[in-house]
Protein backbone atom coordinates (compact mmCIF):
# COMPACT_ATOMS: atom_id res chain seq x y z
CA MET A 1 0.08 -0.26 0.07
CA LEU A 2 1.52 3.79 -1.39
CA LEU A 3 1.81 5.80 1.50
CA PRO A 4 -0.18 9.58 1.48
CA GLU A 5 1.97 11.78 -0.87
CA TYR A 6 2.00 14.78 1.41
CA ILE A 7 3.37 18.01 -0.28
CA PRO A 8 4.63 21.23 1.12
CA VAL A 9 1.20 23.71 1.79
CA VAL A 10 2.50 26.03 4.19
CA ASP A 11 6.02 27.75 5.37
CA LEU A 12 6.45 29.96 8.52
CA LYS A 13 9.28 32.38 7.49
CA ARG A 14 11.36 34.20 9.68
CA GLY A 15 13.38 37.04 7.42
CA ASN A 16 13.71 35.35 4.04
CA PHE A 17 14.57 32.17 5.89
CA VAL A 18 11.51 29.09 6.36
CA ASP A 19 11.81 28.52 9.83
CA GLN A 20 9.41 25.95 9.77
CA ARG A 21 7.32 23.78 6.81
CA PHE A 22 4.09 22.14 7.10
CA PHE A 23 2.68 19.18 4.62
CA GLY A 24 -0.42 18.29 3.87
CA ILE A 25 -3.10 16.97 0.91
CA ALA A 26 -6.87 18.05 0.17
CA THR A 27 -9.19 17.22 -2.32
CA LEU A 28 -12.31 18.66 -3.23
CA TYR A 29 -14.90 16.25 -4.70
CA GLY A 30 -18.34 16.70 -6.45
CA PHE A 31 -21.01 14.00 -6.92
CA SER A 32 -22.55 12.15 -10.13
CA ASP A 33 -25.24 9.59 -8.98
CA GLY A 34 -24.03 9.85 -5.42
CA PHE A 35 -20.23 8.95 -6.59
CA PRO A 36 -17.55 11.18 -5.54
CA VAL A 37 -15.95 12.78 -8.60
CA GLU A 38 -12.48 14.64 -8.13
CA ILE A 39 -12.55 18.42 -8.88
CA LEU A 40 -9.40 19.48 -7.04
CA LYS A 41 -6.54 17.82 -5.87
CA ILE A 42 -3.64 19.24 -4.00
CA GLY A 43 -0.99 16.26 -2.90
CA ASN A 44 -2.31 12.63 -3.34
CA GLU A 45 -3.78 10.46 -1.04
CA ASN A 46 -3.01 7.26 -2.82
CA ASN A 47 -6.08 5.42 -1.62
CA TYR A 48 -4.81 5.40 2.05
CA PRO A 49 -7.40 4.65 4.89
CA PHE A 50 -7.23 7.43 7.48
CA PHE A 51 -8.50 6.98 10.98
CA LEU A 52 -11.22 9.35 10.70
CA ARG A 53 -10.86 10.64 14.65
CA SER A 54 -13.65 13.48 15.40
CA LEU A 55 -14.70 13.83 11.97
CA LEU A 56 -16.59 10.76 12.81
CA LYS A 57 -18.99 12.37 14.90
CA PRO A 58 -21.79 13.24 12.85
CA ILE A 59 -21.50 9.14 11.52
CA GLN A 60 -21.57 8.10 14.92
CA ALA A 61 -25.02 10.05 15.37
CA SER A 62 -26.70 9.06 12.59
CA ILE A 63 -27.28 5.91 14.09
CA MET A 64 -30.27 7.65 16.12
CA ALA A 65 -32.25 7.93 13.06
CA ASP A 66 -32.80 4.13 12.66
CA TYR A 67 -33.91 4.21 16.22
CA ASN A 68 -35.67 7.46 16.57
CA THR A 69 -33.44 8.59 19.50
CA ALA A 70 -34.16 12.12 19.17
CA GLY A 71 -37.76 11.53 19.06
CA HIS A 72 -38.46 8.83 21.75
CA TYR A 73 -36.25 11.42 24.34
CA GLY A 74 -36.96 14.97 23.12
CA PHE A 75 -33.71 16.20 22.51
CA SER A 76 -33.47 19.64 21.02
CA ASP A 77 -31.64 20.87 18.26
CA ALA A 78 -28.91 22.34 20.34
CA GLU A 79 -28.77 18.76 22.32
CA ILE A 80 -28.18 17.26 18.90
CA ALA A 81 -25.67 19.65 17.91
CA VAL A 82 -23.39 18.87 20.71
CA MET A 83 -23.73 15.18 20.09
CA GLN A 84 -21.58 16.00 17.16
CA ALA A 85 -19.60 18.46 18.27
CA SER A 86 -15.82 18.91 19.46
CA HIS A 87 -16.92 21.59 21.86
CA ALA A 88 -14.45 23.85 23.81
CA GLY A 89 -16.08 22.44 27.36
CA GLU A 90 -18.01 26.02 27.99
CA LYS A 91 -21.17 26.18 30.04
CA ILE A 92 -23.28 26.24 27.48
CA HIS A 93 -21.56 22.78 26.19
CA THR A 94 -21.78 21.13 29.46
CA ASP A 95 -25.39 22.26 30.18
CA LEU A 96 -26.37 20.75 27.22
CA VAL A 97 -24.52 17.20 27.82
CA LEU A 98 -25.87 17.16 31.63
CA SER A 99 -29.28 17.61 29.89
CA ILE A 100 -29.06 14.47 27.21
CA LEU A 101 -27.64 12.68 30.49
CA LYS A 102 -31.38 14.07 32.13
CA TRP A 103 -33.61 12.73 29.80
CA THR A 104 -32.02 9.48 29.66
CA GLY A 105 -32.16 9.32 33.56
CA LEU A 106 -28.01 9.12 33.49
CA SER A 107 -25.62 11.20 35.31
CA GLU A 108 -21.97 12.25 34.35
CA ASP A 109 -20.87 9.45 36.06
CA PHE A 110 -21.91 7.02 33.46
CA LEU A 111 -19.66 8.92 30.92
CA LYS A 112 -16.21 7.00 30.11
CA CYS A 113 -14.41 10.22 28.74
CA PRO A 114 -11.67 11.24 30.53
CA ALA A 115 -12.04 14.42 32.72
CA ILE A 116 -9.97 17.02 30.99
CA SER A 117 -9.52 20.53 31.06
CA PRO A 118 -12.28 22.41 28.91
CA LEU A 119 -10.26 23.76 25.52
CA CYS A 120 -12.12 27.25 26.55
CA PRO A 121 -9.56 29.14 28.88
CA ASN A 122 -11.01 30.59 32.23
CA VAL A 123 -14.02 28.32 32.61
CA LEU A 124 -12.62 26.70 35.61
CA LYS A 125 -12.22 28.63 38.79
CA THR A 126 -8.87 28.49 40.63
CA ASP A 127 -9.56 25.90 42.77
CA GLU A 128 -12.06 23.77 40.32
CA LEU A 129 -10.99 20.66 39.14
CA PRO A 130 -11.88 19.41 35.10
CA ARG A 131 -14.97 17.29 34.83
CA LYS A 132 -15.59 14.58 32.02
CA VAL A 133 -18.46 16.94 30.51
CA HIS A 134 -15.42 19.10 29.73
CA ASN A 135 -14.43 17.15 27.43
CA ASN A 136 -14.60 18.00 24.17
CA CYS A 137 -16.04 14.62 23.45
CA SER A 138 -18.80 13.93 26.29
CA GLY A 139 -21.69 15.10 23.85
CA LYS A 140 -20.62 12.00 21.55
CA HIS A 141 -20.34 9.64 24.51
CA ALA A 142 -23.72 11.10 26.08
CA MET A 143 -25.16 10.29 22.77
CA LEU A 144 -23.84 6.59 22.67
CA LEU A 145 -25.23 6.29 26.41
CA ALA A 146 -28.33 7.44 25.05
CA VAL A 147 -29.22 5.04 22.27
CA SER A 148 -27.58 2.15 24.55
CA LYS A 149 -30.25 3.38 27.46
CA GLN A 150 -33.14 3.36 24.74
CA LEU A 151 -31.93 -0.23 23.13
CA GLY A 152 -31.38 -1.93 26.53
CA PHE A 153 -27.51 -2.66 25.93
CA SER A 154 -25.08 -2.61 28.85
CA LEU A 155 -24.27 1.15 29.73
CA GLU A 156 -20.83 -0.16 31.73
CA ASN A 157 -18.48 -0.80 28.48
CA TYR A 158 -20.14 1.21 25.71
CA THR A 159 -16.46 2.25 24.92
CA ASP A 160 -15.65 -1.42 24.08
CA VAL A 161 -15.59 -2.27 20.13
CA ASN A 162 -17.84 -5.31 20.97
CA HIS A 163 -20.37 -3.69 22.44
CA SER A 164 -23.45 -3.43 20.68
CA VAL A 165 -23.86 0.17 20.12
CA GLN A 166 -20.25 -0.17 18.53
CA LYS A 167 -21.44 -2.54 16.32
CA LEU A 168 -24.07 -0.47 15.18
CA VAL A 169 -21.99 2.67 14.43
CA LEU A 170 -19.66 0.26 12.37
CA ASP A 171 -22.57 -1.05 10.42
CA LYS A 172 -23.28 2.76 9.90
CA ILE A 173 -19.78 3.57 8.86
CA CYS A 174 -19.78 0.62 6.04
CA GLU A 175 -23.56 1.69 4.99
CA LEU A 176 -22.78 4.99 4.49
CA ALA A 177 -19.07 4.65 2.70
CA GLU A 178 -20.00 1.45 0.66
CA ILE A 179 -17.39 -0.18 2.04
CA GLU A 180 -16.74 -4.16 3.37
CA HIS A 181 -16.39 -4.49 7.30
CA SER A 182 -13.24 -6.27 6.93
CA LYS A 183 -11.86 -3.50 4.89
CA VAL A 184 -12.45 -1.10 7.34
CA PRO A 185 -8.97 -0.76 10.17
CA GLN A 186 -9.82 -0.12 13.78
CA THR A 187 -7.97 1.43 16.72
CA TYR A 188 -9.08 3.82 19.72
CA ASP A 189 -8.96 7.70 19.79
CA GLY A 190 -7.87 9.93 22.82
CA CYS A 191 -11.19 9.73 24.10
CA THR A 192 -11.35 5.77 24.75
CA LEU A 193 -14.04 5.17 22.14
CA PRO A 194 -13.47 2.75 18.85
CA VAL A 195 -12.39 4.79 15.53
CA TRP A 196 -12.05 3.41 12.31
CA ALA A 197 -9.97 4.39 9.10
CA LEU A 198 -11.44 5.25 5.50
CA PRO A 199 -9.66 6.43 2.67
CA PHE A 200 -10.78 9.94 1.20
CA LYS A 201 -13.38 8.65 -1.66
CA ASN A 202 -15.28 6.50 1.07
CA ILE A 203 -15.19 9.45 3.47
CA ALA A 204 -16.48 11.89 0.96
CA LYS A 205 -19.05 8.96 -0.14
CA ALA A 206 -20.39 8.76 3.50
CA PHE A 207 -20.69 12.08 3.91
CA PHE A 208 -22.32 13.04 0.82
CA LYS A 209 -25.08 10.20 1.58
CA LEU A 210 -25.74 11.49 5.20
CA TYR A 211 -26.28 15.23 4.18
CA THR A 212 -28.30 14.47 0.91
CA ASN A 213 -30.38 11.59 2.73
CA LYS A 214 -33.56 12.89 4.59
CA ARG A 215 -33.64 10.54 7.35
CA TYR A 216 -30.60 12.32 8.24
CA SER A 217 -31.57 15.97 8.09
CA PHE A 218 -32.54 16.59 11.78
CA LEU A 219 -28.47 15.95 12.40
CA LYS A 220 -27.31 18.49 9.43
CA GLU A 221 -30.31 21.12 10.52
CA ALA A 222 -29.34 20.77 13.91
CA TYR A 223 -25.41 21.33 13.15
CA LYS A 224 -26.21 24.46 10.95
CA LYS A 225 -28.46 25.89 13.37
CA ASN A 226 -25.91 25.87 16.02
CA PRO A 227 -22.40 27.14 14.55
CA TYR A 228 -21.17 28.18 18.14
CA ILE A 229 -22.56 24.96 19.83
CA ILE A 230 -20.26 22.67 17.62
CA GLY A 231 -17.29 24.40 18.59
CA GLY A 232 -17.27 27.69 20.93
CA LYS A 233 -14.13 29.42 21.64
CA ASP A 234 -10.50 28.30 22.54
CA LEU A 235 -7.24 30.22 23.04
CA SER A 236 -7.01 31.19 19.55
CA GLY A 237 -10.64 32.76 19.76
CA TYR A 238 -13.65 30.59 17.83
CA ARG A 239 -12.56 27.06 17.27
CA GLN A 240 -12.17 26.38 13.28
CA ASP A 241 -15.86 24.73 13.06
CA THR A 242 -17.76 27.15 14.65
CA HIS A 243 -15.14 29.75 12.93
CA ILE A 244 -15.77 28.55 9.12
CA MET A 245 -19.79 28.15 9.76
CA MET A 246 -20.03 31.53 10.82
CA LEU A 247 -18.16 32.95 7.44
CA ASN A 248 -20.60 30.98 5.44
CA PRO A 249 -23.73 29.48 6.76
CA SER A 250 -23.81 26.89 3.79
CA LEU A 251 -20.60 25.25 5.14
CA ILE A 252 -20.80 22.35 7.74
CA SER A 253 -17.46 21.95 8.75
CA LYS A 254 -16.00 18.89 10.88
CA THR A 255 -12.33 18.98 12.33
CA GLY A 256 -10.75 15.84 13.65
CA ALA A 257 -7.47 15.07 15.37
CA GLY A 258 -4.47 14.30 13.29
CA GLY A 259 -4.58 17.30 11.22
CA PHE A 260 -8.21 16.43 9.94
CA LEU A 261 -10.71 18.89 8.33
CA SER A 262 -13.74 18.07 6.01
CA ILE A 263 -16.65 20.78 4.90
CA TYR A 264 -19.50 19.98 2.95
CA ASN A 265 -20.85 23.01 0.97
CA ASP A 266 -24.86 22.42 1.12
CA GLU A 267 -25.31 24.73 -1.51
CA LYS A 268 -22.83 23.26 -4.19
CA ASN A 269 -23.24 20.04 -3.03
CA GLU A 270 -19.27 19.61 -2.86
CA PHE A 271 -17.10 18.38 -0.43
CA LEU A 272 -13.32 19.52 0.43
CA LEU A 273 -11.22 16.99 2.35
CA VAL A 274 -7.93 18.35 4.11
CA LYS A 275 -5.40 16.40 5.73
CA MET A 276 -2.00 17.61 7.59
CA ALA A 277 0.73 15.48 7.64
CA GLN A 278 1.70 17.49 11.06
CA ASP A 279 -1.03 17.56 13.65
CA ASN A 280 -0.78 21.79 13.92
CA ASN A 281 -4.04 23.47 14.00
CA THR A 282 -2.54 26.59 13.14
CA ALA A 283 -1.29 25.40 9.66
CA ARG A 284 -4.20 23.21 8.96
CA PHE A 285 -6.61 26.37 9.53
CA LEU A 286 -4.26 28.54 7.36
CA PHE A 287 -4.17 26.15 4.59
CA THR A 288 -8.16 25.35 4.33
CA LEU A 289 -9.03 29.22 4.54
CA LYS A 290 -6.64 29.53 1.24
CA ILE A 291 -8.43 27.16 -0.32
CA LEU A 292 -11.72 28.29 0.43
CA GLU A 293 -10.77 31.79 -0.06
CA LYS A 294 -9.77 30.60 -3.97
CA LEU A 295 -12.62 28.66 -4.10
CA ASN A 296 -15.04 31.49 -3.63
CA TRP A 297 -16.45 29.58 -0.98
CA ILE A 298 -15.91 32.50 1.73
CA LYS A 299 -16.42 36.56 0.63
CA GLU A 300 -12.63 37.26 2.62
CA ASN A 301 -10.22 35.37 4.44
CA PRO A 302 -9.96 36.92 7.83
CA LEU A 303 -6.79 34.94 9.32
CA ASP A 304 -3.91 36.98 10.12
CA TYR A 305 -1.24 35.21 8.61
CA SER A 306 1.96 36.89 10.98
CA PHE A 307 3.78 35.14 13.48
CA TYR A 308 4.18 37.13 16.76
CA ASP A 309 6.87 36.81 19.15
CA GLU A 310 5.65 36.76 22.90
CA VAL A 311 5.64 40.11 23.05
CA GLY A 312 3.21 40.55 20.32
CA ARG A 313 6.47 41.86 17.85
CA VAL A 314 5.59 40.46 14.31
CA VAL A 315 8.84 38.30 13.87
CA GLY A 316 7.35 36.28 11.05
CA GLU A 317 4.66 35.04 8.32
CA TYR A 318 3.02 32.44 6.93
CA PHE A 319 2.84 31.59 3.23
CA CYS A 320 0.36 29.35 1.63
CA ASN A 321 2.03 27.01 -1.22
CA ILE A 322 -0.75 26.38 -3.34
CA SER A 323 -2.22 27.33 -6.25
CA VAL A 324 -6.16 26.29 -7.33
């Protein structure tokens, strides 16, 4: 199996010298009769399978469509949005996660995600410890518990790959991506849940089917209505999904660890997939926004490409090495 052919896409220059170089790949897909068609290609993914990480969240949440889970519990759009979110752990996010658990008759103790500090600064008081609901994946965990409770599955080991709810997730991945179970590599994500890998074209196919099938429209609409819920703010300002969707309401953005970012253009029915070789959020965002600017998916690129030292002096500049 050929490795992906990452190419230089972002340089950080200090003076006339390249201080750091970041490598990436990206593909823009259109769709013909439901099949992805490459419109633009930067680098080459070589049909290599990539672990979806948090890109998987909307697909994981789509298992609810098969059992009317949202209707069963009466979940709000905001609650459905946070189930798909990589949120910043602000009060608006944690309150929604706790509300999901309350609807299901469960408590925060049932969550198996680690207690980590919220991504948004100054959320915790000086003597306050982080909780499980602060984890940026807590909404996804609450969703899996809700489905498990509804269907009578065990609530103790829902993070195990052999748990019934995880089998539903894998079935849904294979259904949407149109791929055999045996061809989907599996590992575990940072939040302790199983995660699976797909080639670019299968990721594109899965999101196309997710966002064009009316049976999943409740997921898409909840996501689009709540750009702040699906991200929020962190040390850099607005989180990238929130920022992108505020720039253009037709875009549905989902980031993932490991340098992943996916954007579905609901108006054009096109799907952009970005993967960085390095897990660097700044380089990923600069690269992605430059592509969006070139595609005219955003009216203007608001990012500052300057690089500052610790006292706020400009000591360098980022350059994107792409032509679209």
